[in-house]
Amino acid sequence: MADPGNALGAVVIFDADSPRTFTGRALEAISGGELVMCSGGTAALSSGATGFATTDILVAVSDDNQRFNGIALNQAGSNTNVTVAQRGAYILKAGGSCLPGTVAETIGDSVAVQSLSSGVIPDGLHTNIMAAKPIGRIIVPDASGGFALVHLNA
């Protein structure tokens, strides 16, 4: 990862005593504090819960603003367990303007957020570009390059 985002990793300010976490298997090296997504092939599950294992959930660093499942809470090497929080207020790097009370989106680099853009696709030439998706709300704002407090709701 070129930009470490928050050098302190995943910094939670509050989670209402209910962070809603899950554990999965890292598909690559993941740093605590990186925004992550679930990835991998299909047909990993059977119809019953008895066959489910942590290794059925494959986690990778989020690579665009469409795919977001939470924030990594710990460092994880490839093929090791990583815990992912889906809710709570975290200090995240501002990659664009972060306005208080607005919906937040990732900017596709795994560590930064900004206020939700319009998500408008300019024309038919860009049909492979998807509109942005919300990941939570900004509580404490900042400008690009600073840090914002964002309540995640994945």
Protein backbone atom coordinates (compact mmCIF):
# COMPACT_ATOMS: atom_id res chain seq x y z
CA MET A 1 0.00 0.00 0.00
CA ALA A 2 1.51 3.32 -1.07
CA ASP A 3 -0.43 5.56 1.34
CA PRO A 4 -0.82 4.31 4.91
CA GLY A 5 -3.95 6.41 5.53
CA ASN A 6 -4.00 6.68 9.32
CA ALA A 7 -0.55 5.60 10.51
CA LEU A 8 -2.14 4.50 13.80
CA GLY A 9 -4.30 1.90 12.03
CA ALA A 10 -7.99 1.50 12.84
CA VAL A 11 -8.79 4.18 15.41
CA VAL A 12 -12.29 3.73 16.83
CA ILE A 13 -13.79 6.59 18.80
CA PHE A 14 -17.06 4.85 19.70
CA ASP A 15 -19.02 1.85 18.51
CA ALA A 16 -22.06 1.91 20.86
CA ASP A 17 -20.66 -1.29 22.37
CA SER A 18 -21.74 -3.10 19.23
CA PRO A 19 -19.09 -2.88 16.48
CA ARG A 20 -20.67 -5.66 14.39
CA THR A 21 -17.50 -7.45 13.32
CA PHE A 22 -16.72 -10.58 11.37
CA THR A 23 -13.54 -12.54 10.78
CA GLY A 24 -12.40 -13.64 7.37
CA ARG A 25 -9.30 -14.88 5.56
CA ALA A 26 -7.06 -12.19 4.02
CA LEU A 27 -6.34 -12.66 0.32
CA GLU A 28 -3.37 -10.28 0.57
CA ALA A 29 -1.47 -8.29 3.19
CA ILE A 30 -3.94 -5.95 4.90
CA SER A 31 -3.08 -3.15 7.32
CA GLY A 32 -5.29 -2.24 10.26
CA GLY A 33 -7.35 0.77 9.25
CA GLU A 34 -7.64 -0.10 5.58
CA LEU A 35 -11.08 -0.18 4.02
CA VAL A 36 -11.78 -3.71 2.83
CA MET A 37 -14.19 -5.73 0.71
CA CYS A 38 -15.22 -9.35 0.50
CA SER A 39 -13.90 -11.09 -2.56
CA GLY A 40 -13.26 -14.51 -4.02
CA GLY A 41 -14.96 -17.16 -6.07
CA THR A 42 -18.46 -18.57 -5.89
CA ALA A 43 -19.83 -21.79 -4.40
CA ALA A 44 -17.98 -21.46 -1.09
CA LEU A 45 -21.06 -22.26 1.00
CA SER A 46 -23.48 -25.13 1.35
CA SER A 47 -27.13 -24.71 2.38
CA GLY A 48 -26.44 -25.41 6.06
CA ALA A 49 -24.58 -23.51 8.75
CA THR A 50 -22.63 -26.60 9.84
CA GLY A 51 -20.35 -26.37 6.82
CA PHE A 52 -19.52 -22.68 7.34
CA ALA A 53 -15.97 -21.69 8.30
CA THR A 54 -14.17 -18.36 8.71
CA THR A 55 -12.13 -19.24 5.64
CA ASP A 56 -15.31 -19.05 3.53
CA ILE A 57 -15.17 -15.25 3.85
CA LEU A 58 -12.33 -13.92 1.73
CA VAL A 59 -11.22 -10.33 2.41
CA ALA A 60 -9.15 -7.99 0.25
CA VAL A 61 -8.24 -4.31 0.28
CA SER A 62 -11.06 -2.26 -1.28
CA ASP A 63 -10.02 -1.25 -4.78
CA ASP A 64 -12.89 1.00 -5.84
CA ASN A 65 -15.73 3.02 -4.37
CA GLN A 66 -18.30 0.32 -5.14
CA ARG A 67 -16.94 -2.50 -3.03
CA PHE A 68 -16.86 -1.90 0.69
CA ASN A 69 -17.61 -4.27 3.57
CA GLY A 70 -15.86 -2.54 6.49
CA ILE A 71 -12.56 -1.51 8.05
CA ALA A 72 -9.77 -3.94 8.97
CA LEU A 73 -9.13 -3.88 12.71
CA ASN A 74 -5.80 -5.69 12.65
CA GLN A 75 -2.74 -6.31 10.51
CA ALA A 76 -3.05 -9.51 8.51
CA GLY A 77 -0.70 -11.30 6.20
CA SER A 78 -1.94 -13.14 3.15
CA ASN A 79 -3.90 -16.27 4.11
CA THR A 80 -4.28 -15.25 7.77
CA ASN A 81 -7.35 -14.11 9.70
CA VAL A 82 -8.47 -10.48 9.66
CA THR A 83 -11.26 -8.95 11.74
CA VAL A 84 -13.49 -6.46 9.96
CA ALA A 85 -15.77 -3.91 11.66
CA GLN A 86 -18.89 -2.86 9.82
CA ARG A 87 -20.18 -0.27 12.28
CA GLY A 88 -18.66 2.36 14.55
CA ALA A 89 -17.06 5.80 14.34
CA TYR A 90 -13.50 5.71 13.00
CA ILE A 91 -10.88 8.35 12.21
CA LEU A 92 -10.25 8.08 8.47
CA LYS A 93 -8.10 10.05 6.05
CA ALA A 94 -9.98 12.71 4.11
CA GLY A 95 -9.31 12.21 0.40
CA GLY A 96 -11.65 15.04 -0.57
CA SER A 97 -13.93 17.48 1.20
CA CYS A 98 -15.60 15.88 4.21
CA LEU A 99 -18.60 17.97 5.26
CA PRO A 100 -20.30 17.35 8.62
CA GLY A 101 -23.54 15.39 8.52
CA THR A 102 -23.11 14.34 4.90
CA VAL A 103 -22.99 10.81 3.57
CA ALA A 104 -19.44 9.48 3.13
CA GLU A 105 -18.01 7.46 0.26
CA THR A 106 -14.64 5.82 -0.31
CA ILE A 107 -12.52 7.25 -3.07
CA GLY A 108 -11.21 3.90 -4.23
CA ASP A 109 -7.75 3.90 -2.70
CA SER A 110 -8.50 1.79 0.40
CA VAL A 111 -7.78 4.47 3.00
CA ALA A 112 -9.58 7.73 2.20
CA VAL A 113 -13.12 9.07 2.20
CA GLN A 114 -15.01 12.18 1.09
CA SER A 115 -18.55 13.52 1.12
CA LEU A 116 -20.71 11.58 -1.32
CA SER A 117 -20.39 12.92 -4.84
CA SER A 118 -23.32 13.00 -7.20
CA GLY A 119 -22.28 9.66 -8.67
CA VAL A 120 -23.51 10.87 -12.05
CA ILE A 121 -22.05 9.02 -15.01
CA PRO A 122 -21.19 11.70 -17.60
CA ASP A 123 -22.11 9.89 -20.82
CA GLY A 124 -22.30 6.56 -22.63
CA LEU A 125 -18.53 6.51 -23.13
CA HIS A 126 -18.15 5.75 -19.44
CA THR A 127 -20.64 2.92 -19.01
CA ASN A 128 -18.11 0.87 -17.06
CA ILE A 129 -17.94 3.55 -14.35
CA MET A 130 -20.37 2.92 -11.51
CA ALA A 131 -21.95 5.58 -9.33
CA ALA A 132 -20.54 6.05 -5.84
CA LYS A 133 -22.01 4.18 -2.86
CA PRO A 134 -22.43 5.44 0.71
CA ILE A 135 -20.46 3.85 3.55
CA GLY A 136 -21.63 5.99 6.48
CA ARG A 137 -21.90 9.60 7.67
CA ILE A 138 -19.28 12.21 8.50
CA ILE A 139 -19.38 13.41 12.12
CA VAL A 140 -16.27 15.60 12.36
CA PRO A 141 -15.26 17.21 9.05
CA ASP A 142 -11.92 18.04 7.46
CA ALA A 143 -10.43 19.04 4.14
CA SER A 144 -8.57 16.76 1.77
CA GLY A 145 -5.35 15.52 3.37
CA GLY A 146 -6.66 15.79 6.93
CA PHE A 147 -8.64 13.33 9.02
CA ALA A 148 -12.41 13.02 9.49
CA LEU A 149 -14.50 11.11 11.99
CA VAL A 150 -16.84 8.84 10.03
CA HIS A 151 -19.59 6.62 11.42
CA LEU A 152 -19.44 3.50 9.24
CA ASN A 153 -22.60 1.60 8.37
CA ALA A 154 -21.63 -1.25 6.07
